[in-house]
């Protein structure tokens, strides 16, 4: 139920809420992405192929993560968004810890499904909480700060996971990060109040009504398909880049973790913040820029990624990756804000979940599997360098993402719902 005793939040408390949501989202991505840095030792101990590893990083996680997000978002819209986030954090953290006990591919696959089930209830309700706490002219920046959880959590996963796996073992890495998440869950619930809503939670619209509104808007499809193409490449590259650094650049686990951690903390954080600032600044003048800013970023960043992947120098690759790593994160603030403004305020969590269903089922579900399967297919011809060329092929999805985002700009002007 909505907290009727809640009062409009002060700017200071809004900052506290945003910080807590960011912390939870950081663990969301830490638990989600830690598998990438641990892929090498897991593959060696369990005897897995690249295709199987790609399935663990993709469809095992995304299948229920994507589909359960909608009913859990509807539950959040109708009851308590903060309680749904709290329980979700506890569930995905528990299953992350259980990954450290897996003895074969199927056990690890089932644990990753469990992580996905938990994380299904974390993101969409958080978007809605932020949109309820922050006024329209601040939402792109607030959502971009929240989205810092992606580079921060991903960096934490590769740094902490790589360090623990190299100094102790990969199983301990899963157990440690899972238990940390379980400790944060009750703290989050005690600190974050349910926000005041424009309508009573019990009046939330059925998901069919929400999706019906979205499906009738061309901008929704352009944004959703564009984001799915971006995520297919982004998740695929993020999962396999640690393995590429170890196979083709000669780094060890800790070296790969430091490379990626630095890349994400510098490039990723800068890109997310830049996207939020550009979204509010340019989108405030013309709503089309909420889609056009990401479109330009994808097209500019993709060629730099290709050159970096094909290089032979670790230092040169790092320098080349910094700019495109920032540019491919620019979309988060503007696009997530735009999706929140395609429906009335009381439908926001369900709208976000509908968007995430398409984005994650395609992008997260297929990205790492596609690169892994292509790497296996290219191995007879290219040997250890097969993964390098599989990643180059996957980078073409950024160009498709740019095309769809560019097409979505004009439609946003007509489809925007002010709130």
Protein backbone atom coordinates (compact mmCIF):
# COMPACT_ATOMS: atom_id res chain seq x y z
CA UNK A 1 0.00 0.00 0.00
CA UNK A 2 1.01 3.62 -0.49
CA UNK A 3 2.40 5.27 2.64
CA UNK A 4 -0.31 7.87 3.39
CA UNK A 5 1.79 9.39 6.13
CA UNK A 6 4.57 10.32 3.73
CA UNK A 7 5.17 14.00 3.05
CA UNK A 8 6.87 15.65 0.07
CA UNK A 9 10.59 14.97 0.39
CA UNK A 10 13.23 17.60 1.00
CA UNK A 11 16.12 17.94 -1.48
CA UNK A 12 18.46 16.37 1.11
CA UNK A 13 16.24 13.33 1.59
CA UNK A 14 15.81 12.94 -2.17
CA UNK A 15 19.59 12.74 -2.31
CA UNK A 16 19.60 10.01 0.35
CA UNK A 17 16.97 8.02 -1.56
CA UNK A 18 18.93 8.34 -4.79
CA UNK A 19 22.13 7.24 -3.03
CA UNK A 20 20.43 4.14 -1.59
CA UNK A 21 18.91 3.23 -4.96
CA UNK A 22 22.33 3.70 -6.55
CA UNK A 23 23.89 1.38 -3.98
CA UNK A 24 21.29 -1.31 -4.69
CA UNK A 25 21.74 -0.90 -8.46
CA UNK A 26 25.51 -1.14 -8.04
CA UNK A 27 25.05 -4.55 -6.42
CA UNK A 28 22.56 -5.43 -9.16
CA UNK A 29 25.30 -5.08 -11.76
CA UNK A 30 28.08 -6.38 -9.54
CA UNK A 31 26.18 -9.64 -9.09
CA UNK A 32 25.13 -9.66 -12.75
CA UNK A 33 28.52 -8.95 -14.33
CA UNK A 34 30.93 -10.75 -11.99
CA UNK A 35 30.53 -13.89 -14.08
CA UNK A 36 32.47 -12.25 -16.94
CA UNK A 37 35.74 -11.87 -15.02
CA UNK A 38 35.30 -15.36 -13.53
CA UNK A 39 34.60 -17.01 -16.91
CA UNK A 40 38.20 -18.24 -17.32
CA UNK A 41 38.55 -20.19 -14.07
CA UNK A 42 34.94 -21.42 -14.29
CA UNK A 43 35.54 -22.69 -17.82
CA UNK A 44 38.72 -24.46 -16.72
CA UNK A 45 37.21 -26.14 -13.64
CA UNK A 46 33.81 -27.11 -15.07
CA UNK A 47 35.01 -27.85 -18.62
CA UNK A 48 32.61 -25.45 -20.39
CA UNK A 49 32.57 -24.16 -23.97
CA UNK A 50 32.32 -20.48 -24.93
CA UNK A 51 28.72 -21.14 -26.01
CA UNK A 52 27.85 -22.49 -22.56
CA UNK A 53 29.55 -19.56 -20.84
CA UNK A 54 27.63 -17.19 -23.09
CA UNK A 55 24.39 -18.90 -22.10
CA UNK A 56 25.22 -18.46 -18.41
CA UNK A 57 25.84 -14.77 -18.93
CA UNK A 58 22.83 -14.29 -21.17
CA UNK A 59 19.72 -16.41 -21.52
CA UNK A 60 20.07 -18.12 -18.11
CA UNK A 61 19.86 -14.71 -16.49
CA UNK A 62 17.60 -12.88 -18.94
CA UNK A 63 14.81 -15.43 -19.44
CA UNK A 64 12.94 -14.87 -16.18
CA UNK A 65 14.59 -11.52 -15.48
CA UNK A 66 12.84 -10.08 -18.53
CA UNK A 67 9.48 -11.81 -18.25
CA UNK A 68 8.99 -11.47 -14.47
CA UNK A 69 9.86 -7.78 -14.56
CA UNK A 70 6.35 -6.90 -15.79
CA UNK A 71 4.27 -8.67 -13.10
CA UNK A 72 6.70 -7.50 -10.41
CA UNK A 73 6.48 -3.92 -11.70
CA UNK A 74 2.69 -4.16 -11.66
CA UNK A 75 2.87 -5.45 -8.09
CA UNK A 76 5.12 -2.50 -7.22
CA UNK A 77 2.70 -0.03 -8.84
CA UNK A 78 -0.20 -1.49 -6.86
CA UNK A 79 1.52 -2.06 -3.50
CA UNK A 80 4.91 -0.84 -2.26
CA UNK A 81 7.76 -0.18 -4.65
CA UNK A 82 10.30 -0.05 -1.83
CA UNK A 83 9.25 -3.46 -0.47
CA UNK A 84 9.49 -5.04 -3.93
CA UNK A 85 13.01 -3.63 -4.33
CA UNK A 86 14.04 -4.87 -0.86
CA UNK A 87 12.83 -8.43 -1.36
CA UNK A 88 14.31 -8.53 -4.86
CA UNK A 89 17.73 -7.49 -3.54
CA UNK A 90 17.64 -10.27 -0.94
CA UNK A 91 16.66 -12.90 -3.52
CA UNK A 92 19.27 -12.07 -6.14
CA UNK A 93 22.00 -11.75 -3.50
CA UNK A 94 21.13 -15.15 -2.06
CA UNK A 95 21.31 -16.84 -5.44
CA UNK A 96 24.59 -15.08 -6.22
CA UNK A 97 26.07 -16.64 -3.10
CA UNK A 98 24.71 -20.04 -4.18
CA UNK A 99 26.57 -19.72 -7.50
CA UNK A 100 29.71 -20.31 -5.47
CA UNK A 101 28.45 -23.77 -4.51
CA UNK A 102 27.62 -24.95 -8.06
CA UNK A 103 29.37 -28.15 -9.16
CA UNK A 104 28.43 -28.31 -12.83
CA UNK A 105 26.94 -26.33 -15.72
CA UNK A 106 23.30 -27.08 -14.89
CA UNK A 107 23.61 -26.12 -11.23
CA UNK A 108 25.28 -22.84 -12.17
CA UNK A 109 22.64 -22.28 -14.87
CA UNK A 110 19.83 -22.68 -12.32
CA UNK A 111 21.54 -20.36 -9.83
CA UNK A 112 21.91 -17.72 -12.55
CA UNK A 113 18.19 -18.08 -13.28
CA UNK A 114 17.61 -17.37 -9.59
CA UNK A 115 19.75 -14.23 -9.78
CA UNK A 116 17.63 -13.12 -12.74
CA UNK A 117 14.38 -13.79 -10.86
CA UNK A 118 15.53 -11.53 -8.03
CA UNK A 119 16.84 -8.74 -10.21
CA UNK A 120 13.57 -8.68 -12.16
CA UNK A 121 12.00 -6.71 -9.33
CA UNK A 122 14.76 -4.18 -8.80
CA UNK A 123 15.09 -1.82 -11.76
CA UNK A 124 11.62 -0.83 -13.00
CA UNK A 125 10.28 0.05 -9.51
CA UNK A 126 13.45 2.07 -8.91
CA UNK A 127 12.85 4.11 -12.07
CA UNK A 128 9.33 4.84 -10.81
CA UNK A 129 10.54 5.82 -7.32
CA UNK A 130 13.01 8.28 -8.84
CA UNK A 131 10.34 9.74 -11.12
CA UNK A 132 8.03 10.17 -8.11
CA UNK A 133 10.69 11.87 -5.99
CA UNK A 134 12.24 14.16 -8.65
CA UNK A 135 10.53 16.86 -10.75
CA UNK A 136 10.45 16.50 -14.54
CA UNK A 137 13.30 18.94 -15.25
CA UNK A 138 15.67 16.92 -13.01
CA UNK A 139 14.73 13.39 -14.00
CA UNK A 140 17.30 12.74 -16.71
CA UNK A 141 20.09 13.75 -14.33
CA UNK A 142 18.58 11.75 -11.45
CA UNK A 143 18.15 8.67 -13.64
CA UNK A 144 21.69 9.08 -14.97
CA UNK A 145 23.06 9.21 -11.41
CA UNK A 146 21.07 6.05 -10.64
CA UNK A 147 22.47 4.50 -13.82
CA UNK A 148 25.98 5.00 -12.48
CA UNK A 149 25.24 1.67 -10.82
CA UNK A 150 25.99 0.05 -14.19
CA UNK A 151 29.64 1.14 -14.55
CA UNK A 152 30.24 1.16 -10.78
CA UNK A 153 28.75 -2.31 -10.30
CA UNK A 154 30.43 -3.70 -13.40
CA UNK A 155 33.77 -2.24 -12.28
CA UNK A 156 33.27 -3.62 -8.78
CA UNK A 157 32.49 -7.03 -10.24
CA UNK A 158 35.65 -7.25 -12.32
CA UNK A 159 37.93 -5.70 -9.68
CA UNK A 160 36.62 -7.55 -6.63
CA UNK A 161 35.87 -10.74 -8.53
CA UNK A 162 39.26 -10.79 -10.22
CA UNK A 163 41.12 -10.10 -6.99
CA UNK A 164 39.29 -12.75 -4.94
CA UNK A 165 39.45 -15.34 -7.74
CA UNK A 166 43.20 -14.88 -8.18
CA UNK A 167 44.07 -14.74 -4.48
CA UNK A 168 41.54 -17.29 -3.20
CA UNK A 169 39.17 -18.92 -5.76
CA UNK A 170 36.23 -18.02 -8.00
CA UNK A 171 33.65 -19.62 -5.70
CA UNK A 172 34.58 -17.32 -2.83
CA UNK A 173 33.99 -14.28 -5.05
CA UNK A 174 30.35 -15.26 -5.59
CA UNK A 175 29.78 -15.97 -1.91
CA UNK A 176 31.31 -12.70 -0.70
CA UNK A 177 29.35 -10.38 -3.02
CA UNK A 178 26.13 -12.30 -2.40
CA UNK A 179 26.41 -11.99 1.39
CA UNK A 180 27.18 -8.27 1.11
CA UNK A 181 23.92 -7.74 -0.78
CA UNK A 182 21.97 -9.59 1.88
CA UNK A 183 23.35 -7.21 4.51
CA UNK A 184 22.25 -4.14 2.53
CA UNK A 185 18.62 -5.25 2.01
CA UNK A 186 17.25 -4.42 5.50
CA UNK A 187 19.20 -1.13 5.60
CA UNK A 188 17.57 -0.04 2.35
CA UNK A 189 14.08 -0.77 3.64
CA UNK A 190 14.68 1.15 6.87
CA UNK A 191 16.04 4.25 5.11
CA UNK A 192 13.87 4.61 1.98
CA UNK A 193 10.23 5.67 2.45
CA UNK A 194 7.54 4.92 -0.08
CA UNK A 195 7.11 8.12 -2.14
CA UNK A 196 3.93 10.13 -2.36
CA UNK A 197 2.15 9.20 -5.60
CA UNK A 198 -0.14 11.24 -7.84
CA UNK A 199 -2.83 8.54 -7.50
CA UNK A 200 -3.48 5.77 -4.99
CA UNK A 201 -1.43 2.63 -5.59
CA UNK A 202 -4.59 0.55 -5.77
CA UNK A 203 -5.65 2.57 -8.83
CA UNK A 204 -2.67 1.36 -10.90
CA UNK A 205 -3.65 0.37 -14.42
CA UNK A 206 -3.47 -3.26 -15.61
CA UNK A 207 -0.33 -4.08 -17.57
CA UNK A 208 -2.37 -4.71 -20.73
CA UNK A 209 -3.56 -1.10 -20.60
CA UNK A 210 -0.02 0.19 -20.09
CA UNK A 211 1.40 -1.86 -22.94
CA UNK A 212 -1.53 -0.88 -25.13
CA UNK A 213 -0.60 2.78 -24.70
CA UNK A 214 3.07 2.09 -25.39
CA UNK A 215 2.45 -0.17 -28.38
CA UNK A 216 0.50 2.58 -30.12
CA UNK A 217 3.48 4.94 -29.95
CA UNK A 218 6.15 4.66 -32.64
CA UNK A 219 8.72 6.29 -30.38
CA UNK A 220 8.45 3.42 -27.88
CA UNK A 221 9.36 0.84 -30.51
CA UNK A 222 12.25 2.86 -31.91
CA UNK A 223 13.65 3.41 -28.41
CA UNK A 224 13.10 -0.19 -27.28
CA UNK A 225 14.58 -1.82 -30.39
CA UNK A 226 17.46 0.67 -30.46
CA UNK A 227 18.25 -0.01 -26.81
CA UNK A 228 18.01 -3.78 -27.42
CA UNK A 229 20.58 -3.54 -30.24
CA UNK A 230 22.82 -1.45 -28.01
CA UNK A 231 22.47 -3.88 -25.11
CA UNK A 232 23.10 -6.91 -27.32
CA UNK A 233 26.47 -5.43 -28.15
CA UNK A 234 27.11 -3.87 -24.75
CA UNK A 235 26.37 -6.97 -22.68
CA UNK A 236 28.14 -9.22 -25.17
CA UNK A 237 31.30 -7.13 -25.16
CA UNK A 238 31.22 -6.55 -21.38
CA UNK A 239 30.93 -10.28 -20.71
CA UNK A 240 33.69 -11.34 -23.10
CA UNK A 241 36.18 -8.48 -22.82
CA UNK A 242 37.91 -10.00 -19.76
CA UNK A 243 38.45 -13.23 -21.70
CA UNK A 244 39.73 -11.27 -24.72
CA UNK A 245 42.23 -9.43 -22.52
CA UNK A 246 43.52 -12.72 -21.15
CA UNK A 247 43.54 -14.65 -24.43
CA UNK A 248 44.75 -12.01 -26.90
CA UNK A 249 46.49 -9.37 -24.76
CA UNK A 250 48.19 -11.70 -22.27
CA UNK A 251 46.75 -10.25 -19.05
CA UNK A 252 46.06 -12.32 -15.96
CA UNK A 253 42.82 -12.18 -13.95
CA UNK A 254 43.87 -9.25 -11.81
CA UNK A 255 45.30 -7.35 -14.76
CA UNK A 256 42.10 -7.81 -16.76
CA UNK A 257 40.08 -6.66 -13.76
CA UNK A 258 42.19 -3.53 -13.35
CA UNK A 259 41.95 -2.74 -17.09
CA UNK A 260 38.17 -3.06 -17.13
CA UNK A 261 37.68 -1.47 -13.75
CA UNK A 262 39.59 1.64 -14.83
CA UNK A 263 37.76 1.74 -18.14
CA UNK A 264 34.36 1.57 -16.49
CA UNK A 265 35.13 3.99 -13.67
CA UNK A 266 36.55 6.64 -16.00
CA UNK A 267 34.73 6.18 -19.31
CA UNK A 268 31.51 4.62 -18.02
CA UNK A 269 30.89 7.12 -15.23
CA UNK A 270 31.69 10.08 -17.51
CA UNK A 271 29.31 8.80 -20.20
CA UNK A 272 26.38 8.24 -17.85
CA UNK A 273 26.72 11.70 -16.31
CA UNK A 274 27.19 13.33 -19.71
CA UNK A 275 24.03 11.65 -20.99
CA UNK A 276 21.96 12.91 -18.08
CA UNK A 277 23.22 16.47 -18.47
CA UNK A 278 22.71 16.50 -22.25
CA UNK A 279 19.26 14.93 -21.87
CA UNK A 280 18.01 17.64 -19.52
CA UNK A 281 19.79 20.47 -21.37
CA UNK A 282 18.91 19.59 -24.96
CA UNK A 283 15.76 17.59 -24.36
CA UNK A 284 14.30 20.52 -22.45
CA UNK A 285 14.39 22.51 -25.70
CA UNK A 286 13.37 19.73 -28.08
CA UNK A 287 12.14 16.29 -26.91
CA UNK A 288 13.67 14.68 -30.02
CA UNK A 289 17.13 15.06 -28.49
CA UNK A 290 16.31 12.45 -25.87
CA UNK A 291 16.75 9.99 -28.76
CA UNK A 292 19.14 11.93 -31.01
CA UNK A 293 21.87 12.37 -28.39
CA UNK A 294 22.27 8.56 -27.98
CA UNK A 295 22.09 8.07 -31.76
CA UNK A 296 25.05 10.35 -32.37
CA UNK A 297 27.00 8.75 -29.52
CA UNK A 298 26.67 5.23 -30.93
CA UNK A 299 27.79 6.19 -34.43
CA UNK A 300 30.83 8.10 -33.16
CA UNK A 301 31.90 5.49 -30.62
CA UNK A 302 31.63 2.26 -32.61
CA UNK A 303 34.68 2.70 -34.94
CA UNK A 304 36.95 3.52 -31.99
CA UNK A 305 35.90 0.29 -30.29
CA UNK A 306 36.75 -1.70 -33.42
CA UNK A 307 40.25 -0.23 -33.67
CA UNK A 308 40.86 -0.91 -29.99
CA UNK A 309 39.76 -4.55 -30.22
CA UNK A 310 42.01 -5.13 -33.24
CA UNK A 311 45.07 -3.49 -31.67
CA UNK A 312 47.99 -5.39 -30.16
CA UNK A 313 48.90 -2.93 -27.41
CA UNK A 314 47.21 -2.96 -24.00
CA UNK A 315 47.91 0.73 -23.41
CA UNK A 316 46.74 1.76 -26.88
CA UNK A 317 43.57 -0.31 -26.52
CA UNK A 318 42.80 1.27 -23.14
CA UNK A 319 43.20 4.79 -24.53
CA UNK A 320 41.01 3.97 -27.54
CA UNK A 321 38.31 2.34 -25.42
CA UNK A 322 37.87 5.29 -23.03
CA UNK A 323 35.91 7.54 -25.40
CA UNK A 324 33.53 4.92 -26.86
CA UNK A 325 33.01 3.41 -23.40
CA UNK A 326 31.69 6.80 -22.35
CA UNK A 327 29.63 7.31 -25.51
CA UNK A 328 27.78 3.98 -25.35
CA UNK A 329 26.57 4.82 -21.82
CA UNK A 330 25.16 8.21 -22.86
CA UNK A 331 21.76 6.71 -23.75
CA UNK A 332 20.76 5.75 -20.21
CA UNK A 333 19.57 9.07 -18.76
CA UNK A 334 17.83 10.43 -21.89
CA UNK A 335 16.11 7.22 -23.03
CA UNK A 336 14.97 6.07 -19.59
CA UNK A 337 13.53 9.53 -18.98
CA UNK A 338 11.73 9.44 -22.33
CA UNK A 339 10.12 6.06 -21.54
CA UNK A 340 8.84 7.44 -18.22
CA UNK A 341 7.12 10.22 -20.18
CA UNK A 342 5.27 7.97 -22.64
CA UNK A 343 2.60 7.10 -20.04
CA UNK A 344 0.80 8.81 -17.13
CA UNK A 345 2.67 8.89 -13.80
CA UNK A 346 0.83 5.95 -12.18
CA UNK A 347 1.95 3.63 -15.01
CA UNK A 348 5.67 4.37 -14.81
CA UNK A 349 6.98 1.14 -13.26
CA UNK A 350 4.95 -1.00 -15.67
CA UNK A 351 6.10 1.15 -18.62
CA UNK A 352 9.72 0.72 -17.56
CA UNK A 353 9.23 -3.05 -17.23
CA UNK A 354 7.70 -3.24 -20.72
CA UNK A 355 10.71 -1.41 -22.11
CA UNK A 356 13.11 -3.61 -20.16
CA UNK A 357 11.36 -6.77 -21.38
CA UNK A 358 12.34 -5.99 -24.96
CA UNK A 359 15.73 -4.54 -24.09
CA UNK A 360 16.86 -7.37 -21.85
CA UNK A 361 15.27 -10.38 -23.51
CA UNK A 362 17.03 -9.47 -26.77
CA UNK A 363 20.09 -7.58 -25.57
CA UNK A 364 21.00 -9.31 -22.34
CA UNK A 365 19.55 -12.67 -23.37
CA UNK A 366 21.34 -12.98 -26.71
CA UNK A 367 24.38 -10.70 -26.48
CA UNK A 368 26.88 -12.85 -24.58
CA UNK A 369 25.54 -16.06 -26.17
CA UNK A 370 25.89 -14.60 -29.70
CA UNK A 371 29.53 -13.61 -29.15
CA UNK A 372 30.35 -16.94 -27.50
CA UNK A 373 28.69 -19.01 -30.22
CA UNK A 374 30.37 -16.95 -32.95
CA UNK A 375 33.71 -17.39 -31.20
CA UNK A 376 33.25 -21.18 -31.18
CA UNK A 377 32.25 -21.10 -34.87
CA UNK A 378 35.33 -19.03 -35.82
CA UNK A 379 37.81 -21.04 -33.75
CA UNK A 380 38.70 -23.57 -36.51
CA UNK A 381 39.76 -20.68 -38.75
CA UNK A 382 41.21 -18.18 -36.25
CA UNK A 383 42.17 -20.25 -33.21
CA UNK A 384 42.71 -18.21 -30.05
CA UNK A 385 41.94 -14.99 -31.96
CA UNK A 386 38.38 -16.12 -32.78
CA UNK A 387 36.95 -14.20 -29.83
CA UNK A 388 38.53 -10.97 -31.10
CA UNK A 389 36.74 -11.19 -34.45
CA UNK A 390 33.47 -12.29 -32.83
CA UNK A 391 33.51 -9.09 -30.75
CA UNK A 392 34.24 -6.96 -33.83
CA UNK A 393 31.22 -8.49 -35.58
CA UNK A 394 29.00 -7.79 -32.55
CA UNK A 395 30.01 -4.11 -32.53
CA UNK A 396 27.91 -3.64 -35.67
CA UNK A 397 24.83 -3.65 -33.43
CA UNK A 398 25.82 -0.19 -32.20
CA UNK A 399 25.24 1.17 -35.70
CA UNK A 400 21.77 -0.39 -35.74
CA UNK A 401 21.09 1.14 -32.33
CA UNK A 402 22.06 4.56 -33.68
CA UNK A 403 19.70 4.17 -36.64
CA UNK A 404 16.68 3.27 -34.50
CA UNK A 405 17.36 6.05 -32.00
CA UNK A 406 17.66 8.57 -34.83
CA UNK A 407 14.28 7.46 -36.19
CA UNK A 408 12.67 7.79 -32.76
CA UNK A 409 13.44 11.46 -32.23
CA UNK A 410 10.61 13.06 -34.17
CA UNK A 411 8.05 10.60 -32.82
CA UNK A 412 8.96 11.58 -29.26
CA UNK A 413 7.78 15.14 -29.86
CA UNK A 414 4.25 13.85 -30.48
CA UNK A 415 4.21 10.99 -27.96
CA UNK A 416 5.55 12.84 -24.89
CA UNK A 417 3.28 12.92 -21.82
CA UNK A 418 4.05 15.86 -19.52
CA UNK A 419 4.10 15.01 -15.81
